[in-house]
Amino acid sequence: VQLQASGGGLVQAGGSLRLSCTAPGFTLGYYAIGWFRQVPGKEHEGVSCIQSSISSSDGATNYADSVKGRFTISRDDDENTAYLQMDNLKPEDTAIYYCATDSKGNNCRHFDWYGMDFWGKGTQVTVSS
């Protein structure tokens, strides 16, 4: 399974980007989807998670404190895509962003990168000051 994150780019502080996560040939609807980010020399940091719409958590979301009120995670299971809308971006948001899936939901909820089932290549987000 190869997840594909896209939508990154260079933006000025205060700007917005929307990241997308797709998985050709793989049904995302059964999985919680997490967004993580990594800067060189640091561990992957959990950003946001959205539970499966068909689980008992029914699409519940959670966010890292650093992005609350600025980022919004969503999913469109008909389009087999998850999104991360990032508004009011700050230079400290600069990182490579990854999406990943979790069949159980708890690893995603707790931002456990190594507990996720599948990962994809990331997309670079650069925020200039």
N, C-alpha and C. Protein backbone atom coordinates (compact mmCIF):
# COMPACT_ATOMS: atom_id res chain seq x y z
N VAL A 1 0.85 -1.19 0.00
CA VAL A 1 0.00 0.00 0.00
C VAL A 1 0.89 1.24 0.00
N GLN A 2 0.64 2.13 -0.90
CA GLN A 2 1.43 3.35 -0.99
C GLN A 2 0.51 4.55 -0.87
N LEU A 3 0.60 5.21 0.27
CA LEU A 3 -0.14 6.45 0.43
C LEU A 3 0.60 7.57 -0.26
N GLN A 4 -0.14 8.53 -0.75
CA GLN A 4 0.46 9.65 -1.46
C GLN A 4 -0.02 10.95 -0.85
N ALA A 5 0.90 11.68 -0.27
CA ALA A 5 0.59 13.01 0.24
C ALA A 5 1.00 14.04 -0.81
N SER A 6 0.17 15.04 -0.99
CA SER A 6 0.47 16.08 -1.97
C SER A 6 -0.11 17.40 -1.49
N GLY A 7 0.27 18.47 -2.19
CA GLY A 7 -0.27 19.78 -1.88
C GLY A 7 0.67 20.71 -1.14
N GLY A 8 1.86 20.21 -0.84
CA GLY A 8 2.83 21.07 -0.16
C GLY A 8 3.36 22.15 -1.08
N GLY A 9 4.15 23.04 -0.51
CA GLY A 9 4.73 24.11 -1.29
C GLY A 9 5.33 25.17 -0.41
N LEU A 10 5.66 26.28 -1.03
CA LEU A 10 6.25 27.42 -0.33
C LEU A 10 5.18 28.49 -0.15
N VAL A 11 5.01 28.95 1.07
CA VAL A 11 3.99 29.95 1.35
C VAL A 11 4.52 30.93 2.39
N GLN A 12 4.03 32.14 2.36
CA GLN A 12 4.43 33.12 3.36
C GLN A 12 3.68 32.88 4.67
N ALA A 13 4.27 33.34 5.73
CA ALA A 13 3.61 33.24 7.03
C ALA A 13 2.23 33.90 6.95
N GLY A 14 1.25 33.24 7.56
CA GLY A 14 -0.12 33.71 7.49
C GLY A 14 -0.92 33.13 6.34
N GLY A 15 -0.24 32.47 5.44
CA GLY A 15 -0.90 31.87 4.29
C GLY A 15 -1.51 30.52 4.59
N SER A 16 -2.03 29.90 3.55
CA SER A 16 -2.74 28.62 3.69
C SER A 16 -2.29 27.62 2.64
N LEU A 17 -2.40 26.38 3.00
CA LEU A 17 -2.20 25.27 2.08
C LEU A 17 -3.19 24.17 2.42
N ARG A 18 -3.55 23.38 1.44
CA ARG A 18 -4.37 22.20 1.71
C ARG A 18 -3.63 20.96 1.20
N LEU A 19 -3.35 20.07 2.11
CA LEU A 19 -2.70 18.82 1.77
C LEU A 19 -3.75 17.74 1.50
N SER A 20 -3.41 16.84 0.59
CA SER A 20 -4.28 15.72 0.27
C SER A 20 -3.54 14.41 0.49
N CYS A 21 -4.30 13.40 0.86
CA CYS A 21 -3.74 12.05 1.05
C CYS A 21 -4.60 11.07 0.28
N THR A 22 -4.01 10.39 -0.67
CA THR A 22 -4.74 9.41 -1.46
C THR A 22 -4.03 8.05 -1.37
N ALA A 23 -4.75 7.04 -1.79
CA ALA A 23 -4.19 5.68 -1.75
C ALA A 23 -4.80 4.88 -2.90
N PRO A 24 -4.27 4.99 -4.07
CA PRO A 24 -4.82 4.28 -5.23
C PRO A 24 -4.92 2.78 -4.98
N GLY A 25 -6.10 2.23 -5.23
CA GLY A 25 -6.28 0.80 -5.07
C GLY A 25 -6.49 0.35 -3.64
N PHE A 26 -6.62 1.25 -2.73
CA PHE A 26 -6.74 0.94 -1.31
C PHE A 26 -7.86 1.78 -0.72
N THR A 27 -8.73 1.16 0.06
CA THR A 27 -9.89 1.87 0.59
C THR A 27 -9.55 2.53 1.92
N LEU A 28 -9.46 3.84 1.90
CA LEU A 28 -9.11 4.57 3.12
C LEU A 28 -10.24 4.60 4.14
N GLY A 29 -11.47 4.38 3.69
CA GLY A 29 -12.62 4.55 4.57
C GLY A 29 -12.61 3.67 5.81
N TYR A 30 -11.91 2.55 5.76
CA TYR A 30 -11.89 1.64 6.91
C TYR A 30 -10.88 2.04 7.97
N TYR A 31 -10.08 3.07 7.70
CA TYR A 31 -8.94 3.39 8.53
C TYR A 31 -9.02 4.78 9.14
N ALA A 32 -8.47 4.91 10.33
CA ALA A 32 -8.16 6.24 10.83
C ALA A 32 -6.97 6.76 10.02
N ILE A 33 -6.94 8.04 9.79
CA ILE A 33 -5.86 8.65 9.01
C ILE A 33 -5.21 9.73 9.84
N GLY A 34 -3.91 9.65 9.91
CA GLY A 34 -3.16 10.64 10.67
C GLY A 34 -2.24 11.44 9.78
N TRP A 35 -2.05 12.68 10.15
CA TRP A 35 -1.04 13.52 9.52
C TRP A 35 0.09 13.73 10.53
N PHE A 36 1.30 13.54 10.04
CA PHE A 36 2.49 13.72 10.84
C PHE A 36 3.44 14.65 10.09
N ARG A 37 4.40 15.19 10.79
CA ARG A 37 5.41 16.01 10.13
C ARG A 37 6.76 15.76 10.75
N GLN A 38 7.77 16.03 9.96
CA GLN A 38 9.13 15.79 10.44
C GLN A 38 10.06 16.86 9.89
N VAL A 39 10.91 17.36 10.78
CA VAL A 39 11.99 18.24 10.37
C VAL A 39 13.29 17.48 10.54
N PRO A 40 14.31 17.83 9.79
CA PRO A 40 15.57 17.08 9.86
C PRO A 40 16.11 16.99 11.28
N GLY A 41 16.48 15.78 11.65
CA GLY A 41 17.08 15.57 12.96
C GLY A 41 16.10 15.36 14.09
N LYS A 42 14.81 15.39 13.76
CA LYS A 42 13.80 15.21 14.81
C LYS A 42 12.88 14.05 14.47
N GLU A 43 12.20 13.57 15.49
CA GLU A 43 11.23 12.49 15.29
C GLU A 43 9.98 13.02 14.59
N HIS A 44 9.21 12.08 14.06
CA HIS A 44 7.93 12.46 13.47
C HIS A 44 7.01 13.00 14.57
N GLU A 45 6.36 14.09 14.26
CA GLU A 45 5.46 14.73 15.20
C GLU A 45 4.02 14.58 14.71
N GLY A 46 3.15 14.11 15.57
CA GLY A 46 1.76 14.00 15.20
C GLY A 46 1.11 15.37 15.08
N VAL A 47 0.33 15.55 14.03
CA VAL A 47 -0.33 16.83 13.77
C VAL A 47 -1.83 16.71 14.00
N SER A 48 -2.43 15.72 13.37
CA SER A 48 -3.88 15.56 13.46
C SER A 48 -4.28 14.15 13.08
N CYS A 49 -5.43 13.74 13.57
CA CYS A 49 -5.95 12.41 13.28
C CYS A 49 -7.45 12.49 13.08
N ILE A 50 -7.94 11.68 12.15
CA ILE A 50 -9.39 11.57 11.96
C ILE A 50 -9.73 10.09 11.95
N GLN A 51 -10.70 9.71 12.73
CA GLN A 51 -11.10 8.33 12.82
C GLN A 51 -11.94 7.93 11.61
N SER A 52 -12.07 6.63 11.41
CA SER A 52 -12.90 6.12 10.34
C SER A 52 -14.37 6.48 10.59
N SER A 53 -15.06 6.83 9.53
CA SER A 53 -16.48 7.19 9.64
C SER A 53 -17.34 5.98 9.96
N ILE A 54 -16.80 4.78 9.73
CA ILE A 54 -17.60 3.58 9.97
C ILE A 54 -17.23 2.92 11.29
N SER A 55 -16.34 3.54 12.03
CA SER A 55 -15.99 3.02 13.35
C SER A 55 -16.91 3.66 14.39
N SER A 56 -16.83 3.16 15.61
CA SER A 56 -17.64 3.74 16.69
C SER A 56 -17.24 5.18 16.98
N SER A 57 -16.03 5.55 16.59
CA SER A 57 -15.57 6.93 16.80
C SER A 57 -16.14 7.88 15.75
N ASP A 58 -16.68 7.31 14.66
CA ASP A 58 -17.47 8.09 13.69
C ASP A 58 -16.80 9.38 13.26
N GLY A 59 -15.58 9.27 12.79
CA GLY A 59 -14.95 10.44 12.23
C GLY A 59 -14.44 11.46 13.23
N ALA A 60 -14.27 11.05 14.48
CA ALA A 60 -13.77 11.99 15.49
C ALA A 60 -12.37 12.48 15.11
N THR A 61 -12.06 13.69 15.49
CA THR A 61 -10.77 14.29 15.15
C THR A 61 -10.04 14.74 16.41
N ASN A 62 -8.73 14.80 16.29
CA ASN A 62 -7.93 15.42 17.35
C ASN A 62 -6.71 16.08 16.73
N TYR A 63 -6.16 17.04 17.46
CA TYR A 63 -5.08 17.87 16.93
C TYR A 63 -3.99 18.06 17.98
N ALA A 64 -2.80 18.24 17.47
CA ALA A 64 -1.71 18.67 18.35
C ALA A 64 -1.99 20.09 18.82
N ASP A 65 -1.58 20.40 20.02
CA ASP A 65 -1.85 21.74 20.57
C ASP A 65 -1.27 22.84 19.67
N SER A 66 -0.16 22.56 19.04
CA SER A 66 0.53 23.57 18.24
C SER A 66 -0.25 23.98 16.99
N VAL A 67 -1.23 23.18 16.60
CA VAL A 67 -1.97 23.49 15.36
C VAL A 67 -3.46 23.71 15.60
N LYS A 68 -3.91 23.54 16.82
CA LYS A 68 -5.34 23.72 17.12
C LYS A 68 -5.80 25.11 16.73
N GLY A 69 -6.94 25.17 16.08
CA GLY A 69 -7.49 26.45 15.67
C GLY A 69 -6.94 26.96 14.34
N ARG A 70 -5.91 26.28 13.82
CA ARG A 70 -5.32 26.70 12.55
C ARG A 70 -5.45 25.62 11.47
N PHE A 71 -5.38 24.37 11.88
CA PHE A 71 -5.45 23.25 10.93
C PHE A 71 -6.79 22.54 11.08
N THR A 72 -7.29 22.02 9.96
CA THR A 72 -8.53 21.25 9.97
C THR A 72 -8.35 19.98 9.16
N ILE A 73 -8.60 18.86 9.78
CA ILE A 73 -8.51 17.57 9.09
C ILE A 73 -9.91 17.16 8.64
N SER A 74 -9.98 16.54 7.49
CA SER A 74 -11.26 16.05 6.99
C SER A 74 -11.01 14.85 6.09
N ARG A 75 -12.10 14.21 5.70
CA ARG A 75 -11.97 13.08 4.79
C ARG A 75 -13.19 13.02 3.89
N ASP A 76 -12.97 12.55 2.69
CA ASP A 76 -14.05 12.33 1.75
C ASP A 76 -13.91 10.90 1.27
N ASP A 77 -14.65 10.01 1.88
CA ASP A 77 -14.48 8.60 1.57
C ASP A 77 -14.98 8.26 0.16
N ASP A 78 -15.90 9.03 -0.35
CA ASP A 78 -16.33 8.81 -1.73
C ASP A 78 -15.18 9.08 -2.70
N GLU A 79 -14.37 10.06 -2.36
CA GLU A 79 -13.21 10.39 -3.18
C GLU A 79 -11.95 9.64 -2.73
N ASN A 80 -12.09 8.85 -1.66
CA ASN A 80 -10.95 8.09 -1.12
C ASN A 80 -9.76 9.00 -0.83
N THR A 81 -10.07 10.12 -0.21
CA THR A 81 -9.04 11.14 0.04
C THR A 81 -9.23 11.73 1.44
N ALA A 82 -8.12 12.03 2.08
CA ALA A 82 -8.13 12.79 3.32
C ALA A 82 -7.42 14.12 3.08
N TYR A 83 -7.79 15.11 3.87
CA TYR A 83 -7.26 16.45 3.67
C TYR A 83 -6.74 17.02 4.99
N LEU A 84 -5.82 17.94 4.84
CA LEU A 84 -5.37 18.74 5.98
C LEU A 84 -5.33 20.19 5.50
N GLN A 85 -6.32 20.96 5.92
CA GLN A 85 -6.36 22.38 5.61
C GLN A 85 -5.53 23.12 6.64
N MET A 86 -4.54 23.84 6.17
CA MET A 86 -3.62 24.53 7.06
C MET A 86 -3.74 26.02 6.83
N ASP A 87 -4.21 26.74 7.80
CA ASP A 87 -4.39 28.19 7.72
C ASP A 87 -3.47 28.88 8.72
N ASN A 88 -3.27 30.16 8.49
CA ASN A 88 -2.41 30.96 9.37
C ASN A 88 -1.09 30.24 9.64
N LEU A 89 -0.46 29.81 8.58
CA LEU A 89 0.78 29.05 8.72
C LEU A 89 1.89 29.90 9.32
N LYS A 90 2.74 29.22 10.08
CA LYS A 90 3.86 29.87 10.75
C LYS A 90 5.16 29.23 10.28
N PRO A 91 6.26 29.93 10.38
CA PRO A 91 7.55 29.34 9.97
C PRO A 91 7.84 28.02 10.68
N GLU A 92 7.41 27.89 11.91
CA GLU A 92 7.65 26.64 12.64
C GLU A 92 6.82 25.47 12.13
N ASP A 93 5.91 25.72 11.20
CA ASP A 93 5.17 24.62 10.56
C ASP A 93 5.97 24.00 9.42
N THR A 94 7.10 24.58 9.08
CA THR A 94 7.94 24.06 8.01
C THR A 94 8.39 22.65 8.34
N ALA A 95 8.11 21.71 7.45
CA ALA A 95 8.44 20.31 7.68
C ALA A 95 8.02 19.51 6.45
N ILE A 96 8.39 18.24 6.46
CA ILE A 96 7.82 17.30 5.50
C ILE A 96 6.59 16.69 6.16
N TYR A 97 5.48 16.72 5.48
CA TYR A 97 4.22 16.22 6.02
C TYR A 97 3.89 14.86 5.40
N TYR A 98 3.49 13.94 6.27
CA TYR A 98 3.16 12.59 5.86
C TYR A 98 1.75 12.23 6.31
N CYS A 99 1.09 11.38 5.54
CA CYS A 99 -0.14 10.78 6.02
C CYS A 99 0.11 9.28 6.27
N ALA A 100 -0.69 8.73 7.15
CA ALA A 100 -0.54 7.33 7.53
C ALA A 100 -1.89 6.80 7.99
N THR A 101 -2.05 5.48 7.92
CA THR A 101 -3.32 4.89 8.30
C THR A 101 -3.18 4.01 9.54
N ASP A 102 -4.29 3.83 10.21
CA ASP A 102 -4.33 3.03 11.43
C ASP A 102 -5.65 2.25 11.45
N SER A 103 -5.57 0.93 11.43
CA SER A 103 -6.79 0.11 11.38
C SER A 103 -7.54 0.11 12.71
N LYS A 104 -6.86 0.42 13.80
CA LYS A 104 -7.50 0.36 15.11
C LYS A 104 -7.92 1.73 15.64
N GLY A 105 -7.25 2.75 15.23
CA GLY A 105 -7.64 4.09 15.64
C GLY A 105 -6.85 4.67 16.79
N ASN A 106 -6.44 3.83 17.73
CA ASN A 106 -5.78 4.36 18.92
C ASN A 106 -4.38 4.88 18.64
N ASN A 107 -3.63 4.21 17.79
CA ASN A 107 -2.29 4.69 17.47
C ASN A 107 -2.36 6.05 16.80
N CYS A 108 -3.34 6.21 15.96
CA CYS A 108 -3.54 7.51 15.30
C CYS A 108 -3.90 8.56 16.34
N ARG A 109 -4.86 8.23 17.20
CA ARG A 109 -5.33 9.18 18.21
C ARG A 109 -4.19 9.65 19.11
N HIS A 110 -3.26 8.76 19.39
CA HIS A 110 -2.12 9.09 20.27
C HIS A 110 -0.87 9.47 19.50
N PHE A 111 -1.03 9.67 18.19
CA PHE A 111 0.09 10.14 17.35
C PHE A 111 1.31 9.22 17.48
N ASP A 112 1.04 7.93 17.43
CA ASP A 112 2.12 6.94 17.49
C ASP A 112 2.53 6.59 16.07
N TRP A 113 3.55 7.22 15.58
CA TRP A 113 4.00 7.05 14.19
C TRP A 113 4.32 5.59 13.91
N TYR A 114 5.03 4.95 14.81
CA TYR A 114 5.48 3.59 14.56
C TYR A 114 4.34 2.58 14.73
N GLY A 115 3.26 2.99 15.31
CA GLY A 115 2.10 2.12 15.46
C GLY A 115 1.14 2.17 14.29
N MET A 116 1.37 3.07 13.34
CA MET A 116 0.50 3.17 12.18
C MET A 116 0.73 1.97 11.25
N ASP A 117 -0.26 1.68 10.42
CA ASP A 117 -0.17 0.51 9.55
C ASP A 117 0.61 0.78 8.26
N PHE A 118 0.25 1.86 7.61
CA PHE A 118 0.87 2.18 6.32
C PHE A 118 1.23 3.67 6.29
N TRP A 119 2.29 3.95 5.61
CA TRP A 119 2.78 5.33 5.47
C TRP A 119 3.01 5.63 4.00
N GLY A 120 3.16 6.90 3.70
CA GLY A 120 3.47 7.26 2.34
C GLY A 120 4.60 8.24 2.28
N LYS A 121 4.98 8.58 1.08
CA LYS A 121 5.99 9.62 0.91
C LYS A 121 5.39 10.96 1.31
N GLY A 122 6.21 11.79 1.82
CA GLY A 122 5.73 13.06 2.32
C GLY A 122 5.69 14.15 1.28
N THR A 123 5.20 15.29 1.70
CA THR A 123 5.19 16.49 0.87
C THR A 123 5.77 17.64 1.68
N GLN A 124 6.65 18.40 1.04
CA GLN A 124 7.37 19.45 1.75
C GLN A 124 6.49 20.70 1.89
N VAL A 125 6.43 21.20 3.09
CA VAL A 125 5.77 22.48 3.37
C VAL A 125 6.82 23.43 3.91
N THR A 126 6.96 24.57 3.26
CA THR A 126 7.93 25.57 3.69
C THR A 126 7.19 26.89 3.90
N VAL A 127 7.31 27.44 5.09
CA VAL A 127 6.66 28.70 5.42
C VAL A 127 7.73 29.74 5.67
N SER A 128 7.72 30.78 4.86
CA SER A 128 8.72 31.84 5.00
C SER A 128 8.19 32.95 5.90
N SER A 129 9.11 33.60 6.59
CA SER A 129 8.70 34.67 7.51
C SER A 129 8.66 36.02 6.83
